[in-house]
Amino acid sequence: MDDYEKIKLFNIKLIYVNSLFKIRDFNNEEKKLIIDKINRAETRNRVEWFYHCLLRDGDRFLKEVQYISPIKGIKKHKM
């Protein structure tokens, strides 16, 4: 993936995260989880899938996502 594609994907992630945070109020734990999961998405389709799952299932989807194990080799960023 070249730099242009990475920038496009990053902008798509920002758009979807901002949209989610405008639609409903999340607590800080949920916000961190959403940002973490969307940040791990490697394609636009995956970002859109996560976004639509959150819109459709909301809290239930977030509870299920919390139990997905982190990808090995990726360090967590402090927020």
N, C-alpha and C. Protein backbone atom coordinates (compact mmCIF):
# COMPACT_ATOMS: atom_id res chain seq x y z
N MET A 1 0.85 -1.17 0.00
CA MET A 1 0.00 0.00 0.00
C MET A 1 0.90 1.23 0.00
N ASP A 2 0.69 2.10 -0.96
CA ASP A 2 1.52 3.30 -1.03
C ASP A 2 1.00 4.37 -0.08
N ASP A 3 1.75 5.46 0.04
CA ASP A 3 1.41 6.52 0.99
C ASP A 3 0.04 7.14 0.71
N TYR A 4 -0.28 7.30 -0.56
CA TYR A 4 -1.57 7.88 -0.92
C TYR A 4 -2.73 7.01 -0.42
N GLU A 5 -2.61 5.72 -0.59
CA GLU A 5 -3.65 4.80 -0.14
C GLU A 5 -3.75 4.80 1.39
N LYS A 6 -2.63 4.88 2.07
CA LYS A 6 -2.64 4.93 3.54
C LYS A 6 -3.35 6.19 4.03
N ILE A 7 -3.09 7.31 3.37
CA ILE A 7 -3.72 8.56 3.76
C ILE A 7 -5.22 8.50 3.51
N LYS A 8 -5.61 7.93 2.38
CA LYS A 8 -7.04 7.78 2.08
C LYS A 8 -7.73 6.92 3.14
N LEU A 9 -7.12 5.81 3.50
CA LEU A 9 -7.70 4.92 4.50
C LEU A 9 -7.79 5.62 5.86
N PHE A 10 -6.76 6.36 6.22
CA PHE A 10 -6.77 7.10 7.48
C PHE A 10 -7.92 8.11 7.50
N ASN A 11 -8.11 8.83 6.41
CA ASN A 11 -9.20 9.81 6.33
C ASN A 11 -10.57 9.14 6.42
N ILE A 12 -10.71 7.99 5.81
CA ILE A 12 -11.96 7.24 5.89
C ILE A 12 -12.23 6.84 7.33
N LYS A 13 -11.21 6.38 8.01
CA LYS A 13 -11.35 6.00 9.43
C LYS A 13 -11.79 7.19 10.26
N LEU A 14 -11.19 8.35 10.03
CA LEU A 14 -11.57 9.56 10.76
C LEU A 14 -13.02 9.93 10.53
N ILE A 15 -13.45 9.84 9.29
CA ILE A 15 -14.83 10.19 8.95
C ILE A 15 -15.81 9.29 9.69
N TYR A 16 -15.55 7.99 9.67
CA TYR A 16 -16.47 7.05 10.32
C TYR A 16 -16.45 7.19 11.84
N VAL A 17 -15.29 7.39 12.43
CA VAL A 17 -15.22 7.56 13.88
C VAL A 17 -15.95 8.83 14.30
N ASN A 18 -15.71 9.92 13.60
CA ASN A 18 -16.39 11.18 13.92
C ASN A 18 -17.90 11.04 13.76
N SER A 19 -18.31 10.35 12.73
CA SER A 19 -19.74 10.13 12.50
C SER A 19 -20.36 9.33 13.65
N LEU A 20 -19.69 8.28 14.08
CA LEU A 20 -20.19 7.48 15.20
C LEU A 20 -20.31 8.31 16.47
N PHE A 21 -19.32 9.12 16.74
CA PHE A 21 -19.32 9.90 17.97
C PHE A 21 -20.36 11.01 17.94
N LYS A 22 -20.77 11.46 16.75
CA LYS A 22 -21.83 12.45 16.64
C LYS A 22 -23.21 11.81 16.82
N ILE A 23 -23.34 10.57 16.36
CA ILE A 23 -24.64 9.90 16.39
C ILE A 23 -25.07 9.59 17.82
N ARG A 24 -24.16 9.08 18.63
CA ARG A 24 -24.54 8.77 20.01
C ARG A 24 -23.38 8.98 20.97
N ASP A 25 -23.74 9.09 22.22
CA ASP A 25 -22.74 9.30 23.26
C ASP A 25 -22.19 7.96 23.73
N PHE A 26 -20.89 7.84 23.67
CA PHE A 26 -20.20 6.66 24.17
C PHE A 26 -19.38 7.06 25.39
N ASN A 27 -19.19 6.13 26.32
CA ASN A 27 -18.30 6.44 27.44
C ASN A 27 -16.86 6.29 26.95
N ASN A 28 -15.91 6.66 27.79
CA ASN A 28 -14.50 6.66 27.37
C ASN A 28 -13.99 5.27 26.99
N GLU A 29 -14.42 4.25 27.74
CA GLU A 29 -14.01 2.87 27.42
C GLU A 29 -14.50 2.47 26.03
N GLU A 30 -15.75 2.79 25.72
CA GLU A 30 -16.31 2.46 24.41
C GLU A 30 -15.59 3.22 23.30
N LYS A 31 -15.28 4.49 23.55
CA LYS A 31 -14.57 5.29 22.55
C LYS A 31 -13.20 4.69 22.25
N LYS A 32 -12.49 4.29 23.29
CA LYS A 32 -11.17 3.67 23.10
C LYS A 32 -11.29 2.39 22.29
N LEU A 33 -12.30 1.59 22.61
CA LEU A 33 -12.51 0.33 21.91
C LEU A 33 -12.84 0.57 20.43
N ILE A 34 -13.70 1.53 20.16
CA ILE A 34 -14.08 1.85 18.79
C ILE A 34 -12.87 2.32 18.00
N ILE A 35 -12.12 3.23 18.57
CA ILE A 35 -10.93 3.76 17.88
C ILE A 35 -9.93 2.64 17.62
N ASP A 36 -9.72 1.80 18.62
CA ASP A 36 -8.77 0.69 18.48
C ASP A 36 -9.19 -0.26 17.35
N LYS A 37 -10.46 -0.65 17.34
CA LYS A 37 -10.92 -1.61 16.33
C LYS A 37 -10.93 -1.01 14.94
N ILE A 38 -11.36 0.23 14.80
CA ILE A 38 -11.35 0.85 13.47
C ILE A 38 -9.93 1.09 13.01
N ASN A 39 -9.04 1.42 13.93
CA ASN A 39 -7.65 1.65 13.57
C ASN A 39 -6.99 0.38 13.02
N ARG A 40 -7.42 -0.78 13.48
CA ARG A 40 -6.85 -2.05 13.00
C ARG A 40 -7.35 -2.47 11.63
N ALA A 41 -8.43 -1.87 11.18
CA ALA A 41 -8.99 -2.23 9.87
C ALA A 41 -7.99 -1.90 8.77
N GLU A 42 -7.82 -2.82 7.85
CA GLU A 42 -6.84 -2.62 6.79
C GLU A 42 -7.46 -2.25 5.45
N THR A 43 -8.79 -2.26 5.38
CA THR A 43 -9.47 -1.87 4.14
C THR A 43 -10.68 -1.00 4.46
N ARG A 44 -11.13 -0.29 3.45
CA ARG A 44 -12.32 0.54 3.60
C ARG A 44 -13.54 -0.32 3.91
N ASN A 45 -13.63 -1.47 3.27
CA ASN A 45 -14.78 -2.35 3.50
C ASN A 45 -14.87 -2.79 4.96
N ARG A 46 -13.74 -3.06 5.56
CA ARG A 46 -13.71 -3.49 6.96
C ARG A 46 -14.14 -2.35 7.89
N VAL A 47 -13.72 -1.14 7.58
CA VAL A 47 -14.13 0.03 8.37
C VAL A 47 -15.64 0.21 8.26
N GLU A 48 -16.16 0.13 7.05
CA GLU A 48 -17.59 0.29 6.83
C GLU A 48 -18.38 -0.82 7.52
N TRP A 49 -17.87 -2.04 7.49
CA TRP A 49 -18.55 -3.16 8.16
C TRP A 49 -18.67 -2.89 9.66
N PHE A 50 -17.58 -2.47 10.28
CA PHE A 50 -17.58 -2.18 11.71
C PHE A 50 -18.57 -1.06 12.02
N TYR A 51 -18.56 -0.02 11.22
CA TYR A 51 -19.45 1.13 11.41
C TYR A 51 -20.91 0.70 11.35
N HIS A 52 -21.27 -0.08 10.34
CA HIS A 52 -22.66 -0.50 10.18
C HIS A 52 -23.08 -1.49 11.27
N CYS A 53 -22.17 -2.32 11.71
CA CYS A 53 -22.49 -3.23 12.83
C CYS A 53 -22.78 -2.43 14.09
N LEU A 54 -22.01 -1.38 14.33
CA LEU A 54 -22.26 -0.55 15.50
C LEU A 54 -23.59 0.18 15.40
N LEU A 55 -23.93 0.65 14.21
CA LEU A 55 -25.21 1.33 14.04
C LEU A 55 -26.37 0.37 14.24
N ARG A 56 -26.23 -0.83 13.73
CA ARG A 56 -27.31 -1.82 13.78
C ARG A 56 -27.48 -2.42 15.17
N ASP A 57 -26.38 -2.88 15.77
CA ASP A 57 -26.46 -3.64 17.01
C ASP A 57 -26.00 -2.89 18.25
N GLY A 58 -25.30 -1.79 18.07
CA GLY A 58 -24.90 -0.94 19.17
C GLY A 58 -24.17 -1.60 20.31
N ASP A 59 -24.76 -1.52 21.51
CA ASP A 59 -24.11 -2.01 22.74
C ASP A 59 -23.79 -3.49 22.68
N ARG A 60 -24.68 -4.29 22.12
CA ARG A 60 -24.43 -5.73 22.05
C ARG A 60 -23.18 -6.02 21.22
N PHE A 61 -23.02 -5.31 20.13
CA PHE A 61 -21.85 -5.51 19.27
C PHE A 61 -20.57 -5.10 20.00
N LEU A 62 -20.61 -3.99 20.73
CA LEU A 62 -19.42 -3.54 21.47
C LEU A 62 -19.01 -4.56 22.52
N LYS A 63 -19.98 -5.17 23.20
CA LYS A 63 -19.65 -6.17 24.21
C LYS A 63 -18.99 -7.39 23.59
N GLU A 64 -19.45 -7.78 22.41
CA GLU A 64 -18.85 -8.93 21.72
C GLU A 64 -17.46 -8.60 21.23
N VAL A 65 -17.26 -7.39 20.75
CA VAL A 65 -15.97 -6.98 20.20
C VAL A 65 -14.91 -6.91 21.28
N GLN A 66 -15.29 -6.61 22.52
CA GLN A 66 -14.31 -6.50 23.60
C GLN A 66 -13.57 -7.81 23.82
N TYR A 67 -14.18 -8.92 23.48
CA TYR A 67 -13.57 -10.22 23.74
C TYR A 67 -12.72 -10.73 22.59
N ILE A 68 -12.63 -9.98 21.51
CA ILE A 68 -11.76 -10.37 20.41
C ILE A 68 -10.33 -10.08 20.83
N SER A 69 -9.47 -11.07 20.72
CA SER A 69 -8.10 -10.90 21.18
C SER A 69 -7.33 -9.94 20.27
N PRO A 70 -6.39 -9.19 20.84
CA PRO A 70 -5.60 -8.26 20.04
C PRO A 70 -4.68 -9.01 19.07
N ILE A 71 -4.33 -8.33 18.01
CA ILE A 71 -3.44 -8.91 17.02
C ILE A 71 -2.03 -8.91 17.59
N LYS A 72 -1.34 -10.02 17.45
CA LYS A 72 0.02 -10.12 17.99
C LYS A 72 0.95 -9.18 17.22
N GLY A 73 1.87 -8.59 17.95
CA GLY A 73 2.86 -7.73 17.33
C GLY A 73 2.46 -6.28 17.23
N ILE A 74 1.24 -5.95 17.64
CA ILE A 74 0.80 -4.56 17.59
C ILE A 74 0.80 -4.01 19.01
N LYS A 75 1.50 -2.92 19.18
CA LYS A 75 1.58 -2.32 20.51
C LYS A 75 0.38 -1.39 20.70
N LYS A 76 -0.14 -1.37 21.91
CA LYS A 76 -1.23 -0.46 22.22
C LYS A 76 -0.68 0.94 22.41
N HIS A 77 -1.43 1.91 21.90
CA HIS A 77 -1.06 3.32 22.06
C HIS A 77 -1.77 3.87 23.27
N LYS A 78 -1.09 4.70 24.02
CA LYS A 78 -1.74 5.36 25.15
C LYS A 78 -2.59 6.50 24.64
N MET A 79 -3.76 6.66 25.26
CA MET A 79 -4.67 7.72 24.84
C MET A 79 -4.72 8.80 25.88
